[in-house]
Every structure is written in C-alpha cells, then in structure tokens.
Amino acid sequence: MSDRRNFLKTSAALATGLFAAANTKASFAAMPSPDPPSPPVSGAKKPVRIGAPTFFSEDDPVAWAKNAREQRYRAVYAPNVSLHDADRIKAFREAAEQHDLMIAEVGRWVNLMDADPEKRKANLNLVTEGLALADELNAKCCVDIAGSFDTESWFGPHPKNVSDEFFDLAVENARKIIDAVSPKRAVFAYEMVGWAIPDTPESYLRLIRAIDRKGFGVHLDVCNMINSPDKFWNNTRLINETFDLLGQWIASAHAKDLRWQREMNIHFVECAIGEGVLDYVTWLNRMADLPHDVPLMIEHMKDHAEYLKSRDHLFQVASEAKVTLEWVG
C-alpha cells in the first residue's frame, strides 16, 4: 500500500488526486441505529489487532497474508484489487481469513465536495465503489475525509469546512454512498480532520445521528483531532472522551504520533510512534475494552524501517498497558 504522506505532498502540488465485523461473526452494518453511547465495557481485555503497510508484493494473496503474519501484524490495509475481479477478491478474502488477518479499510481519498460538479460526481462514484469493494473483501470499512470547500487543495482548510452547509452535504453524501451499496459487512466512515467536520467526538456523534444509517461508522484518528495546545497536552482526556462517545461505532483506527515543533506559532508534526506525546497506554486499554475488534493501523511513516520501529514501540507499550497484541491462529 502506498504511503499516504508522500501522496499528500504530491497531491498538494497537483491540487487533486487520491490520498495515498464487530468480529467475523457480526457486522457493523447489522448494528442497531445510533442511541446514546453505552458505558465502556469492563472485564477481561481481549487482544488488539495492529497492522501497517507490509511493503510486500500482492501478486500471491496467500504469500501476502503469510508475510503480514510474519511481520507480527493481525490486520492489513486492503489490497489493490478491482471490484470487478471477483476471483482476486475471493482469493484475498480467503487468504486473510486463513491467516487470521482482518482487512481494516479501503481508502478512497478524494474530495466529495469538489467545486467542479463533474469531479464531485466522479468522486462520489469512486467512494461508492470503494464501499462495495470493502463489503466484498469483508473489510471493516471504506474511509474518506468528508471533503473540503477549498479550491486549491482537495483536503485543504476553508472557513466553510465547519459550517452547517458542510455538515448537511456530508450527511447527504454519506447517505447516497450507503444507500447505493446497502453493505452487509463493511461500513462507510469519515476520517477525522482537524480543520473540517468531523473534528471532535461531539461533531462525529452529531453526524452519526443525522446520517441515521446502520452502514455508517467511525474512523478514529486521535492525531487528526489535535488542533490546539489543550488537546495536545491533554490527549489522554481526548482519547477517553472519544471512546466514551463513539466507542460502539469505531470500525478502524490510524496510529502515529505527534510532536510540537517549536517556532513562533503552533505547529504540530507527525512522527514515529513513541517520539511524540500520544498516550498509547490509555488508547490500547480503551481499544481492548471494546466489545468488537478494531484494527489499529500504523500510517504515515517515512519507510519500512520506521513502520517496524513504530510496531515495536506498540508492543512495548502494550506490555506496560497489560494488553496483548498477539493472536493465536
């Protein structure tokens, strides 16, 4: 899977482009309509699945799955396969199941609010196809950002990205995508962004209730919500608030870390896990307490070595948190 950080650098120059169930017996798509969130589940902690890009060929689905296991992963990003290639889809789905791997997400990184009506229509179709593919792969979700009204960058900041107009269009787009597919296993989700809805747990919960579809879920990215010194220094509180409000709907999550680059204005920089301030002890414990499996997917590392470094740090933190990342199978 391509590194989305490198893709962002490219797409910023081009101004458009692509951004880089419960368990196997139950589906998010079969969950009840949104109600007030339940309290955290207590009791014995189950293992947490982590995953990352494997930098391994997808020519042979079985070898691809086996390699992911050898790298100590129990979750993978969706392979690059066409929705129209039923045999390849089946081969990847069965290889993942055979090796006890969860396919976490199909990413469709396009602007669902593009100013050009034709581009917006094409993007909506691409994401709809992505949700259908996720459902066929038995992935947890298809994910995209809600979009942006910015005309210079498809993901850029804009004053209307936190407006009622933006919220209403995000609701309309999600309903169109979900209704066109009627997913049975996967859900559609918006990735959190610090400068566009959903940018807080509260705005995400508001979206869930407004969209009112069983096929809509939550994609968790704590780093992406950190857009102030308060959230940066008090990210433990932010993590707990997010799980308190959204835990039952979380389908997949992104893992990375954040540090403060000191200069004459606020500038947070993504970094390898363990080189920033994120409270992964709390994060892993809250994930382990969920009643369903949520894959935690490492992203935005600079190379394979940095992915492995972040993986190893997660294993170290898991030991401190008394959470296991190992799975039998």
C-alpha atoms as a PDB file:
ATOM      1  CA  MET A   1       0.000   0.000   0.000  1.00  0.00           C
ATOM      2  CA  SER A   2       1.396   3.422  -0.911  1.00  0.00           C
ATOM      3  CA  ASP A   3       2.420   5.862   1.825  1.00  0.00           C
ATOM      4  CA  ARG A   4      -0.312   8.480   2.161  1.00  0.00           C
ATOM      5  CA  ARG A   5       2.126  11.069   3.474  1.00  0.00           C
ATOM      6  CA  ASN A   6       4.099  11.015   0.204  1.00  0.00           C
ATOM      7  CA  PHE A   7       0.862  11.118  -1.702  1.00  0.00           C
ATOM      8  CA  LEU A   8      -0.261  14.231   0.181  1.00  0.00           C
ATOM      9  CA  LYS A   9       2.925  16.010  -0.867  1.00  0.00           C
ATOM     10  CA  THR A  10       2.210  15.113  -4.479  1.00  0.00           C
ATOM     11  CA  SER A  11      -1.477  15.910  -4.346  1.00  0.00           C
ATOM     12  CA  ALA A  12      -0.848  19.298  -2.768  1.00  0.00           C
ATOM     13  CA  ALA A  13       1.141  20.209  -5.866  1.00  0.00           C
ATOM     14  CA  LEU A  14      -1.438  18.801  -8.224  1.00  0.00           C
ATOM     15  CA  ALA A  15      -4.380  20.169  -6.209  1.00  0.00           C
ATOM     16  CA  THR A  16      -6.343  16.974  -6.668  1.00  0.00           C
ATOM     17  CA  GLY A  17      -5.963  13.201  -6.645  1.00  0.00           C
ATOM     18  CA  LEU A  18      -6.125  10.320  -4.207  1.00  0.00           C
ATOM     19  CA  PHE A  19      -4.959  10.406  -0.542  1.00  0.00           C
ATOM     20  CA  ALA A  20      -2.089   7.911  -0.618  1.00  0.00           C
ATOM     21  CA  ALA A  21     -17.093  -7.084  11.822  1.00  0.00           C
ATOM     22  CA  ALA A  22     -17.729  -6.444  15.155  1.00  0.00           C
ATOM     23  CA  ASN A  23     -15.905  -9.788  14.688  1.00  0.00           C
ATOM     24  CA  THR A  24     -16.079 -12.301  11.840  1.00  0.00           C
ATOM     25  CA  LYS A  25     -19.483 -13.425  13.064  1.00  0.00           C
ATOM     26  CA  ALA A  26     -21.088  -9.995  13.394  1.00  0.00           C
ATOM     27  CA  SER A  27     -21.224  -6.907  11.206  1.00  0.00           C
ATOM     28  CA  PHE A  28     -21.195  -3.196  11.883  1.00  0.00           C
ATOM     29  CA  ALA A  29     -23.799  -2.962   9.141  1.00  0.00           C
ATOM     30  CA  ALA A  30     -26.068  -5.075  11.326  1.00  0.00           C
ATOM     31  CA  MET A  31     -25.685  -2.882  14.409  1.00  0.00           C
ATOM     32  CA  PRO A  32     -28.747  -1.040  15.733  1.00  0.00           C
ATOM     33  CA  SER A  33     -29.462   2.568  14.842  1.00  0.00           C
ATOM     34  CA  PRO A  34     -27.498   5.106  16.902  1.00  0.00           C
ATOM     35  CA  ASP A  35     -28.621   5.500  20.501  1.00  0.00           C
ATOM     36  CA  PRO A  36     -26.925   7.284  23.411  1.00  0.00           C
ATOM     37  CA  PRO A  37     -23.495   5.628  23.798  1.00  0.00           C
ATOM     38  CA  SER A  38     -23.076   2.779  26.232  1.00  0.00           C
ATOM     39  CA  PRO A  39     -20.535   2.960  29.068  1.00  0.00           C
ATOM     40  CA  PRO A  40     -17.141   1.350  28.441  1.00  0.00           C
ATOM     41  CA  VAL A  41     -17.129  -2.419  28.661  1.00  0.00           C
ATOM     42  CA  SER A  42     -15.182  -3.707  31.640  1.00  0.00           C
ATOM     43  CA  GLY A  43     -13.690  -7.092  32.398  1.00  0.00           C
ATOM     44  CA  ALA A  44     -11.069  -9.210  30.701  1.00  0.00           C
ATOM     45  CA  LYS A  45      -9.153  -7.474  27.953  1.00  0.00           C
ATOM     46  CA  LYS A  46      -9.013  -9.052  24.535  1.00  0.00           C
ATOM     47  CA  PRO A  47      -6.027  -8.736  22.183  1.00  0.00           C
ATOM     48  CA  VAL A  48      -5.799  -5.674  19.944  1.00  0.00           C
ATOM     49  CA  ARG A  49      -5.036  -6.130  16.259  1.00  0.00           C
ATOM     50  CA  ILE A  50      -2.357  -3.877  14.777  1.00  0.00           C
ATOM     51  CA  GLY A  51      -1.410  -3.529  11.138  1.00  0.00           C
ATOM     52  CA  ALA A  52       0.613  -1.450   8.687  1.00  0.00           C
ATOM     53  CA  PRO A  53       1.724  -1.390   5.057  1.00  0.00           C
ATOM     54  CA  THR A  54       3.816  -4.534   4.595  1.00  0.00           C
ATOM     55  CA  PHE A  55       5.888  -3.479   1.558  1.00  0.00           C
ATOM     56  CA  PHE A  56       5.290  -6.949   0.135  1.00  0.00           C
ATOM     57  CA  SER A  57       4.075  -7.999  -3.305  1.00  0.00           C
ATOM     58  CA  GLU A  58       0.351  -8.576  -3.761  1.00  0.00           C
ATOM     59  CA  ASP A  59       0.871 -10.973  -6.674  1.00  0.00           C
ATOM     60  CA  ASP A  60       0.176 -14.006  -4.482  1.00  0.00           C
ATOM     61  CA  PRO A  61      -2.601 -13.382  -1.911  1.00  0.00           C
ATOM     62  CA  VAL A  62      -1.512 -16.316   0.285  1.00  0.00           C
ATOM     63  CA  ALA A  63       2.134 -15.177   0.369  1.00  0.00           C
ATOM     64  CA  TRP A  64       0.931 -11.618   1.039  1.00  0.00           C
ATOM     65  CA  ALA A  65      -1.113 -12.741   4.025  1.00  0.00           C
ATOM     66  CA  LYS A  66       1.634 -15.013   5.345  1.00  0.00           C
ATOM     67  CA  ASN A  67       4.156 -12.166   5.160  1.00  0.00           C
ATOM     68  CA  ALA A  68       1.872  -9.881   7.171  1.00  0.00           C
ATOM     69  CA  ARG A  69       1.702 -12.510   9.901  1.00  0.00           C
ATOM     70  CA  GLU A  70       5.482 -12.901   9.828  1.00  0.00           C
ATOM     71  CA  GLN A  71       5.738  -9.158  10.482  1.00  0.00           C
ATOM     72  CA  ARG A  72       3.606  -9.713  13.615  1.00  0.00           C
ATOM     73  CA  TYR A  73       0.557  -7.970  12.165  1.00  0.00           C
ATOM     74  CA  ARG A  74      -3.006  -9.151  12.648  1.00  0.00           C
ATOM     75  CA  ALA A  75      -4.568  -6.551  10.372  1.00  0.00           C
ATOM     76  CA  VAL A  76      -3.807  -5.289   6.874  1.00  0.00           C
ATOM     77  CA  TYR A  77      -4.806  -2.461   4.588  1.00  0.00           C
ATOM     78  CA  ALA A  78      -6.982  -3.571   1.683  1.00  0.00           C
ATOM     79  CA  PRO A  79      -5.036  -4.914  -1.301  1.00  0.00           C
ATOM     80  CA  ASN A  80      -5.119  -3.106  -4.624  1.00  0.00           C
ATOM     81  CA  VAL A  81      -7.814  -5.104  -6.380  1.00  0.00           C
ATOM     82  CA  SER A  82     -10.636  -4.196  -8.749  1.00  0.00           C
ATOM     83  CA  LEU A  83     -14.254  -4.541  -7.687  1.00  0.00           C
ATOM     84  CA  HIS A  84     -14.803  -6.348 -11.000  1.00  0.00           C
ATOM     85  CA  ASP A  85     -12.190  -9.040 -10.312  1.00  0.00           C
ATOM     86  CA  ALA A  86     -14.288 -11.455  -8.257  1.00  0.00           C
ATOM     87  CA  ASP A  87     -11.657 -14.198  -8.268  1.00  0.00           C
ATOM     88  CA  ARG A  88      -8.923 -11.933  -6.874  1.00  0.00           C
ATOM     89  CA  ILE A  89     -11.282 -10.524  -4.260  1.00  0.00           C
ATOM     90  CA  LYS A  90     -12.178 -14.041  -3.155  1.00  0.00           C
ATOM     91  CA  ALA A  91      -8.509 -15.064  -3.056  1.00  0.00           C
ATOM     92  CA  PHE A  92      -7.514 -12.116  -0.843  1.00  0.00           C
ATOM     93  CA  ARG A  93     -10.535 -12.529   1.419  1.00  0.00           C
ATOM     94  CA  GLU A  94      -9.848 -16.230   1.933  1.00  0.00           C
ATOM     95  CA  ALA A  95      -6.100 -15.697   2.430  1.00  0.00           C
ATOM     96  CA  ALA A  96      -6.804 -13.121   5.131  1.00  0.00           C
ATOM     97  CA  GLU A  97      -9.269 -15.429   6.861  1.00  0.00           C
ATOM     98  CA  GLN A  98      -6.891 -18.399   6.608  1.00  0.00           C
ATOM     99  CA  HIS A  99      -4.109 -16.439   8.323  1.00  0.00           C
ATOM    100  CA  ASP A 100      -6.356 -14.750  10.913  1.00  0.00           C
ATOM    101  CA  LEU A 101      -5.912 -11.299   9.401  1.00  0.00           C
ATOM    102  CA  MET A 102      -8.501  -8.543   9.459  1.00  0.00           C
ATOM    103  CA  ILE A 103      -8.703  -6.330   6.369  1.00  0.00           C
ATOM    104  CA  ALA A 104      -9.051  -2.964   8.023  1.00  0.00           C
ATOM    105  CA  GLU A 105     -10.061  -0.455   5.388  1.00  0.00           C
ATOM    106  CA  VAL A 106     -10.403   0.519   1.765  1.00  0.00           C
ATOM    107  CA  GLY A 107      -9.154   4.101   1.406  1.00  0.00           C
ATOM    108  CA  ARG A 108     -10.759   6.357  -1.170  1.00  0.00           C
ATOM    109  CA  TRP A 109      -9.005   9.688  -0.744  1.00  0.00           C
ATOM    110  CA  VAL A 110     -10.917  12.155  -2.901  1.00  0.00           C
ATOM    111  CA  ASN A 111     -12.875  15.379  -2.372  1.00  0.00           C
ATOM    112  CA  LEU A 112     -16.584  14.631  -2.045  1.00  0.00           C
ATOM    113  CA  MET A 113     -17.226  18.400  -2.029  1.00  0.00           C
ATOM    114  CA  ASP A 114     -15.196  19.364  -5.082  1.00  0.00           C
ATOM    115  CA  ALA A 115     -16.281  22.683  -6.598  1.00  0.00           C
ATOM    116  CA  ASP A 116     -16.469  21.057 -10.049  1.00  0.00           C
ATOM    117  CA  PRO A 117     -19.814  19.187 -10.306  1.00  0.00           C
ATOM    118  CA  GLU A 118     -18.403  16.562 -12.672  1.00  0.00           C
ATOM    119  CA  LYS A 119     -15.406  15.850 -10.436  1.00  0.00           C
ATOM    120  CA  ARG A 120     -17.693  15.715  -7.412  1.00  0.00           C
ATOM    121  CA  LYS A 121     -19.915  13.165  -9.152  1.00  0.00           C
ATOM    122  CA  ALA A 122     -16.924  11.064 -10.201  1.00  0.00           C
ATOM    123  CA  ASN A 123     -15.532  11.171  -6.661  1.00  0.00           C
ATOM    124  CA  LEU A 124     -18.850  10.111  -5.197  1.00  0.00           C
ATOM    125  CA  ASN A 125     -18.932   7.158  -7.594  1.00  0.00           C
ATOM    126  CA  LEU A 126     -15.357   6.199  -6.687  1.00  0.00           C
ATOM    127  CA  VAL A 127     -16.136   6.147  -2.972  1.00  0.00           C
ATOM    128  CA  THR A 128     -19.352   4.204  -3.583  1.00  0.00           C
ATOM    129  CA  GLU A 129     -17.307   1.623  -5.474  1.00  0.00           C
ATOM    130  CA  GLY A 130     -14.858   1.595  -2.559  1.00  0.00           C
ATOM    131  CA  LEU A 131     -17.596   0.722  -0.085  1.00  0.00           C
ATOM    132  CA  ALA A 132     -18.822  -2.071  -2.347  1.00  0.00           C
ATOM    133  CA  LEU A 133     -15.246  -3.399  -2.559  1.00  0.00           C
ATOM    134  CA  ALA A 134     -14.830  -3.218   1.219  1.00  0.00           C
ATOM    135  CA  ASP A 135     -18.009  -5.227   1.643  1.00  0.00           C
ATOM    136  CA  GLU A 136     -16.817  -7.897  -0.802  1.00  0.00           C
ATOM    137  CA  LEU A 137     -13.407  -8.114   0.886  1.00  0.00           C
ATOM    138  CA  ASN A 138     -15.060  -8.391   4.310  1.00  0.00           C
ATOM    139  CA  ALA A 139     -13.105  -5.269   5.318  1.00  0.00           C
ATOM    140  CA  LYS A 140     -14.163  -3.212   8.288  1.00  0.00           C
ATOM    141  CA  CYS A 141     -14.815  -0.024   6.358  1.00  0.00           C
ATOM    142  CA  CYS A 142     -14.341   2.224   3.365  1.00  0.00           C
ATOM    143  CA  VAL A 143     -12.956   5.565   4.518  1.00  0.00           C
ATOM    144  CA  ASP A 144     -12.563   9.047   3.066  1.00  0.00           C
ATOM    145  CA  ILE A 145     -12.475  12.519   4.563  1.00  0.00           C
ATOM    146  CA  ALA A 146     -15.796  14.348   4.320  1.00  0.00           C
ATOM    147  CA  GLY A 147     -14.223  16.752   1.819  1.00  0.00           C
ATOM    148  CA  SER A 148     -13.295  20.413   1.576  1.00  0.00           C
ATOM    149  CA  PHE A 149     -14.631  23.606   0.005  1.00  0.00           C
ATOM    150  CA  ASP A 150     -11.049  24.704  -0.652  1.00  0.00           C
ATOM    151  CA  THR A 151     -10.359  25.177  -4.370  1.00  0.00           C
ATOM    152  CA  GLU A 152      -6.558  24.970  -4.171  1.00  0.00           C
ATOM    153  CA  SER A 153      -6.240  21.660  -2.331  1.00  0.00           C
ATOM    154  CA  TRP A 154      -8.769  18.843  -2.210  1.00  0.00           C
ATOM    155  CA  PHE A 155      -8.164  18.386   1.533  1.00  0.00           C
ATOM    156  CA  GLY A 156      -7.220  21.981   2.436  1.00  0.00           C
ATOM    157  CA  PRO A 157      -8.644  24.275   5.137  1.00  0.00           C
ATOM    158  CA  HIS A 158     -11.578  26.552   4.351  1.00  0.00           C
ATOM    159  CA  PRO A 159     -13.851  28.630   6.599  1.00  0.00           C
ATOM    160  CA  LYS A 160     -16.932  26.754   5.370  1.00  0.00           C
ATOM    161  CA  ASN A 161     -15.479  23.353   6.333  1.00  0.00           C
ATOM    162  CA  VAL A 162     -17.030  23.729   9.793  1.00  0.00           C
ATOM    163  CA  SER A 163     -20.314  25.257   8.599  1.00  0.00           C
ATOM    164  CA  ASP A 164     -23.878  23.932   8.608  1.00  0.00           C
ATOM    165  CA  GLU A 165     -23.678  23.765   4.805  1.00  0.00           C
ATOM    166  CA  PHE A 166     -20.664  21.444   5.040  1.00  0.00           C
ATOM    167  CA  PHE A 167     -22.370  19.296   7.676  1.00  0.00           C
ATOM    168  CA  ASP A 168     -25.537  18.933   5.608  1.00  0.00           C
ATOM    169  CA  LEU A 169     -23.581  17.954   2.484  1.00  0.00           C
ATOM    170  CA  ALA A 170     -21.541  15.421   4.478  1.00  0.00           C
ATOM    171  CA  VAL A 171     -24.800  13.849   5.645  1.00  0.00           C
ATOM    172  CA  GLU A 172     -26.222  13.798   2.119  1.00  0.00           C
ATOM    173  CA  ASN A 173     -23.092  12.229   0.614  1.00  0.00           C
ATOM    174  CA  ALA A 174     -22.845   9.516   3.254  1.00  0.00           C
ATOM    175  CA  ARG A 175     -26.490   8.561   2.780  1.00  0.00           C
ATOM    176  CA  LYS A 176     -26.070   8.372  -1.009  1.00  0.00           C
ATOM    177  CA  ILE A 177     -22.993   6.144  -0.728  1.00  0.00           C
ATOM    178  CA  ILE A 178     -24.510   3.798   1.850  1.00  0.00           C
ATOM    179  CA  ASP A 179     -27.920   3.565   0.174  1.00  0.00           C
ATOM    180  CA  ALA A 180     -26.334   2.755  -3.188  1.00  0.00           C
ATOM    181  CA  VAL A 181     -24.419  -0.215  -1.714  1.00  0.00           C
ATOM    182  CA  SER A 182     -26.550  -1.442   1.217  1.00  0.00           C
ATOM    183  CA  PRO A 183     -23.434  -3.022   2.797  1.00  0.00           C
ATOM    184  CA  LYS A 184     -23.819  -6.208   4.803  1.00  0.00           C
ATOM    185  CA  ARG A 185     -20.354  -6.347   6.409  1.00  0.00           C
ATOM    186  CA  ALA A 186     -18.417  -3.100   5.918  1.00  0.00           C
ATOM    187  CA  VAL A 187     -19.368   0.426   6.900  1.00  0.00           C
ATOM    188  CA  PHE A 188     -18.630   3.808   5.371  1.00  0.00           C
ATOM    189  CA  ALA A 189     -16.763   6.244   7.620  1.00  0.00           C
ATOM    190  CA  TYR A 190     -15.288   9.722   7.542  1.00  0.00           C
ATOM    191  CA  GLU A 191     -11.741  10.164   8.792  1.00  0.00           C
ATOM    192  CA  MET A 192     -11.404  12.843  11.462  1.00  0.00           C
ATOM    193  CA  VAL A 193      -9.685  16.054  10.332  1.00  0.00           C
ATOM    194  CA  GLY A 194      -8.568  18.978  12.478  1.00  0.00           C
ATOM    195  CA  TRP A 195      -9.969  21.625  10.123  1.00  0.00           C
ATOM    196  CA  ALA A 196     -13.175  20.044   8.831  1.00  0.00           C
ATOM    197  CA  ILE A 197     -16.151  18.140  10.193  1.00  0.00           C
ATOM    198  CA  PRO A 198     -15.843  15.695  11.927  1.00  0.00           C
ATOM    199  CA  ASP A 199     -13.184  17.433  14.017  1.00  0.00           C
ATOM    200  CA  THR A 200     -14.370  16.450  17.511  1.00  0.00           C
ATOM    201  CA  PRO A 201     -16.093  13.436  19.103  1.00  0.00           C
ATOM    202  CA  GLU A 202     -19.193  15.577  19.509  1.00  0.00           C
ATOM    203  CA  SER A 203     -19.351  16.570  15.832  1.00  0.00           C
ATOM    204  CA  TYR A 204     -18.889  12.914  14.852  1.00  0.00           C
ATOM    205  CA  LEU A 205     -21.742  11.816  17.116  1.00  0.00           C
ATOM    206  CA  ARG A 206     -23.917  14.528  15.596  1.00  0.00           C
ATOM    207  CA  LEU A 207     -23.087  13.140  12.136  1.00  0.00           C
ATOM    208  CA  ILE A 208     -23.952   9.584  13.183  1.00  0.00           C
ATOM    209  CA  ARG A 209     -27.369  10.664  14.402  1.00  0.00           C
ATOM    210  CA  ALA A 210     -28.070  12.863  11.362  1.00  0.00           C
ATOM    211  CA  ILE A 211     -26.980  10.259   8.786  1.00  0.00           C
ATOM    212  CA  ASP A 212     -29.074   7.633  10.588  1.00  0.00           C
ATOM    213  CA  ARG A 213     -27.776   4.633   8.669  1.00  0.00           C
ATOM    214  CA  LYS A 214     -26.619   1.283  10.048  1.00  0.00           C
ATOM    215  CA  GLY A 215     -23.925   1.275   7.368  1.00  0.00           C
ATOM    216  CA  PHE A 216     -22.181   4.348   8.796  1.00  0.00           C
ATOM    217  CA  GLY A 217     -19.361   4.005  11.319  1.00  0.00           C
ATOM    218  CA  VAL A 218     -16.469   5.868  12.888  1.00  0.00           C
ATOM    219  CA  HIS A 219     -12.889   6.045  11.690  1.00  0.00           C
ATOM    220  CA  LEU A 220     -10.670   7.023  14.619  1.00  0.00           C
ATOM    221  CA  ASP A 221      -7.574   9.182  14.232  1.00  0.00           C
ATOM    222  CA  VAL A 222      -6.678  10.882  17.504  1.00  0.00           C
ATOM    223  CA  CYS A 223      -3.755  12.813  15.999  1.00  0.00           C
ATOM    224  CA  ASN A 224      -6.029  14.356  13.399  1.00  0.00           C
ATOM    225  CA  MET A 225      -8.263  15.814  16.109  1.00  0.00           C
ATOM    226  CA  ILE A 226      -5.398  17.525  17.912  1.00  0.00           C
ATOM    227  CA  ASN A 227      -5.580  21.129  16.717  1.00  0.00           C
ATOM    228  CA  SER A 228      -4.860  23.068  19.933  1.00  0.00           C
ATOM    229  CA  PRO A 229      -2.374  23.079  22.826  1.00  0.00           C
ATOM    230  CA  ASP A 230      -5.134  21.861  25.146  1.00  0.00           C
ATOM    231  CA  LYS A 231      -5.795  18.757  23.050  1.00  0.00           C
ATOM    232  CA  PHE A 232      -2.061  18.202  22.551  1.00  0.00           C
ATOM    233  CA  TRP A 233      -1.147  18.230  26.248  1.00  0.00           C
ATOM    234  CA  ASN A 234      -4.402  16.664  27.420  1.00  0.00           C
ATOM    235  CA  ASN A 235      -4.708  13.965  24.768  1.00  0.00           C
ATOM    236  CA  THR A 236      -5.498  11.351  27.442  1.00  0.00           C
ATOM    237  CA  ARG A 237      -8.703  13.209  28.162  1.00  0.00           C
ATOM    238  CA  LEU A 238      -9.419  13.487  24.426  1.00  0.00           C
ATOM    239  CA  ILE A 239      -8.890   9.731  23.951  1.00  0.00           C
ATOM    240  CA  ASN A 240     -11.239   8.888  26.804  1.00  0.00           C
ATOM    241  CA  GLU A 241     -13.904  11.346  25.626  1.00  0.00           C
ATOM    242  CA  THR A 242     -13.720   9.879  22.122  1.00  0.00           C
ATOM    243  CA  PHE A 243     -14.166   6.293  23.309  1.00  0.00           C
ATOM    244  CA  ASP A 244     -16.909   7.326  25.740  1.00  0.00           C
ATOM    245  CA  LEU A 245     -18.941   8.938  22.954  1.00  0.00           C
ATOM    246  CA  LEU A 246     -18.036   6.885  19.889  1.00  0.00           C
ATOM    247  CA  GLY A 247     -16.646   3.536  21.044  1.00  0.00           C
ATOM    248  CA  GLN A 248     -19.510   1.354  19.861  1.00  0.00           C
ATOM    249  CA  TRP A 249     -19.253   2.699  16.296  1.00  0.00           C
ATOM    250  CA  ILE A 250     -15.459   2.656  15.775  1.00  0.00           C
ATOM    251  CA  ALA A 251     -14.603   0.475  12.771  1.00  0.00           C
ATOM    252  CA  SER A 252     -10.896   1.183  12.191  1.00  0.00           C
ATOM    253  CA  ALA A 253      -8.190   3.472  13.553  1.00  0.00           C
ATOM    254  CA  HIS A 254      -4.957   5.103  12.422  1.00  0.00           C
ATOM    255  CA  ALA A 255      -1.839   5.056  14.612  1.00  0.00           C
ATOM    256  CA  LYS A 256       1.002   7.568  14.555  1.00  0.00           C
ATOM    257  CA  ASP A 257       2.372  10.146  16.989  1.00  0.00           C
ATOM    258  CA  LEU A 258       2.567  13.905  17.289  1.00  0.00           C
ATOM    259  CA  ARG A 259       5.252  16.316  18.485  1.00  0.00           C
ATOM    260  CA  TRP A 260       5.308  20.101  18.827  1.00  0.00           C
ATOM    261  CA  GLN A 261       7.771  21.830  16.504  1.00  0.00           C
ATOM    262  CA  ARG A 262       8.878  24.917  18.403  1.00  0.00           C
ATOM    263  CA  GLU A 263       8.528  28.142  16.465  1.00  0.00           C
ATOM    264  CA  MET A 264       6.578  31.408  16.748  1.00  0.00           C
ATOM    265  CA  ASN A 265       3.215  29.770  16.098  1.00  0.00           C
ATOM    266  CA  ILE A 266       1.536  26.438  16.805  1.00  0.00           C
ATOM    267  CA  HIS A 267       2.965  23.697  14.590  1.00  0.00           C
ATOM    268  CA  PHE A 268       2.320  20.026  15.331  1.00  0.00           C
ATOM    269  CA  VAL A 269       4.276  17.450  13.322  1.00  0.00           C
ATOM    270  CA  GLU A 270       3.514  13.770  12.806  1.00  0.00           C
ATOM    271  CA  CYS A 271       6.264  11.391  13.878  1.00  0.00           C
ATOM    272  CA  ALA A 272       7.016   7.745  14.633  1.00  0.00           C
ATOM    273  CA  ILE A 273       5.064   6.211  17.495  1.00  0.00           C
ATOM    274  CA  GLY A 274       6.977   6.809  20.718  1.00  0.00           C
ATOM    275  CA  GLU A 275       8.580  10.056  19.557  1.00  0.00           C
ATOM    276  CA  GLY A 276       5.568  12.193  20.477  1.00  0.00           C
ATOM    277  CA  VAL A 277       3.085  12.736  23.291  1.00  0.00           C
ATOM    278  CA  LEU A 278       0.206  10.383  22.447  1.00  0.00           C
ATOM    279  CA  ASP A 279      -0.955   8.306  25.430  1.00  0.00           C
ATOM    280  CA  TYR A 280      -0.961   4.859  23.854  1.00  0.00           C
ATOM    281  CA  VAL A 281      -1.351   3.121  27.221  1.00  0.00           C
ATOM    282  CA  THR A 282      -4.810   4.635  27.537  1.00  0.00           C
ATOM    283  CA  TRP A 283      -5.522   4.207  23.823  1.00  0.00           C
ATOM    284  CA  LEU A 284      -4.706   0.482  23.783  1.00  0.00           C
ATOM    285  CA  ASN A 285      -6.619  -0.151  27.001  1.00  0.00           C
ATOM    286  CA  ARG A 286      -9.721   1.537  25.625  1.00  0.00           C
ATOM    287  CA  MET A 287      -9.463  -0.456  22.397  1.00  0.00           C
ATOM    288  CA  ALA A 288      -9.049  -3.695  24.334  1.00  0.00           C
ATOM    289  CA  ASP A 289     -12.209  -2.904  26.306  1.00  0.00           C
ATOM    290  CA  LEU A 290     -14.374  -2.552  23.198  1.00  0.00           C
ATOM    291  CA  PRO A 291     -16.838  -5.399  22.590  1.00  0.00           C
ATOM    292  CA  HIS A 292     -15.699  -5.705  18.961  1.00  0.00           C
ATOM    293  CA  ASP A 293     -12.319  -5.909  17.175  1.00  0.00           C
ATOM    294  CA  VAL A 294     -10.955  -2.610  15.898  1.00  0.00           C
ATOM    295  CA  PRO A 295      -7.746  -2.752  13.846  1.00  0.00           C
ATOM    296  CA  LEU A 296      -5.133  -0.140  14.740  1.00  0.00           C
ATOM    297  CA  MET A 297      -3.303   0.712  11.524  1.00  0.00           C
ATOM    298  CA  ILE A 298       0.088   2.423  11.565  1.00  0.00           C
ATOM    299  CA  GLU A 299       0.367   5.114   8.883  1.00  0.00           C
ATOM    300  CA  HIS A 300       2.487   7.987   7.561  1.00  0.00           C
ATOM    301  CA  MET A 301       5.880   6.551   8.468  1.00  0.00           C
ATOM    302  CA  LYS A 302       8.751   7.529   6.167  1.00  0.00           C
ATOM    303  CA  ASP A 303       9.846   3.980   5.264  1.00  0.00           C
ATOM    304  CA  HIS A 304       9.539   0.302   6.164  1.00  0.00           C
ATOM    305  CA  ALA A 305      12.100   0.600   8.947  1.00  0.00           C
ATOM    306  CA  GLU A 306      10.119   3.351  10.639  1.00  0.00           C
ATOM    307  CA  TYR A 307       6.940   1.289  10.397  1.00  0.00           C
ATOM    308  CA  LEU A 308       8.718  -1.585  12.145  1.00  0.00           C
ATOM    309  CA  LYS A 309      10.071   0.811  14.774  1.00  0.00           C
ATOM    310  CA  SER A 310       6.548   2.071  15.493  1.00  0.00           C
ATOM    311  CA  ARG A 311       5.277  -1.509  15.571  1.00  0.00           C
ATOM    312  CA  ASP A 312       7.907  -2.473  18.129  1.00  0.00           C
ATOM    313  CA  HIS A 313       7.032   0.519  20.282  1.00  0.00           C
ATOM    314  CA  LEU A 314       3.385  -0.509  20.269  1.00  0.00           C
ATOM    315  CA  PHE A 315       4.393  -3.954  21.531  1.00  0.00           C
ATOM    316  CA  GLN A 316       6.416  -2.304  24.299  1.00  0.00           C
ATOM    317  CA  VAL A 317       3.529  -0.035  25.296  1.00  0.00           C
ATOM    318  CA  ALA A 318       1.092  -2.946  25.154  1.00  0.00           C
ATOM    319  CA  SER A 319       3.236  -4.767  27.699  1.00  0.00           C
ATOM    320  CA  GLU A 320       3.078  -1.755  30.027  1.00  0.00           C
ATOM    321  CA  ALA A 321      -0.678  -1.477  29.457  1.00  0.00           C
ATOM    322  CA  LYS A 322      -1.135  -5.222  30.101  1.00  0.00           C
ATOM    323  CA  VAL A 323      -2.734  -5.545  26.662  1.00  0.00           C
ATOM    324  CA  THR A 324      -1.633  -8.256  24.234  1.00  0.00           C
ATOM    325  CA  LEU A 325      -1.143  -7.684  20.512  1.00  0.00           C
ATOM    326  CA  GLU A 326      -0.501 -11.348  19.794  1.00  0.00           C
ATOM    327  CA  TRP A 327      -3.195 -13.581  18.325  1.00  0.00           C
ATOM    328  CA  VAL A 328      -3.346 -17.351  18.159  1.00  0.00           C
ATOM    329  CA  GLY A 329      -4.111 -18.697  14.714  1.00  0.00           C
END
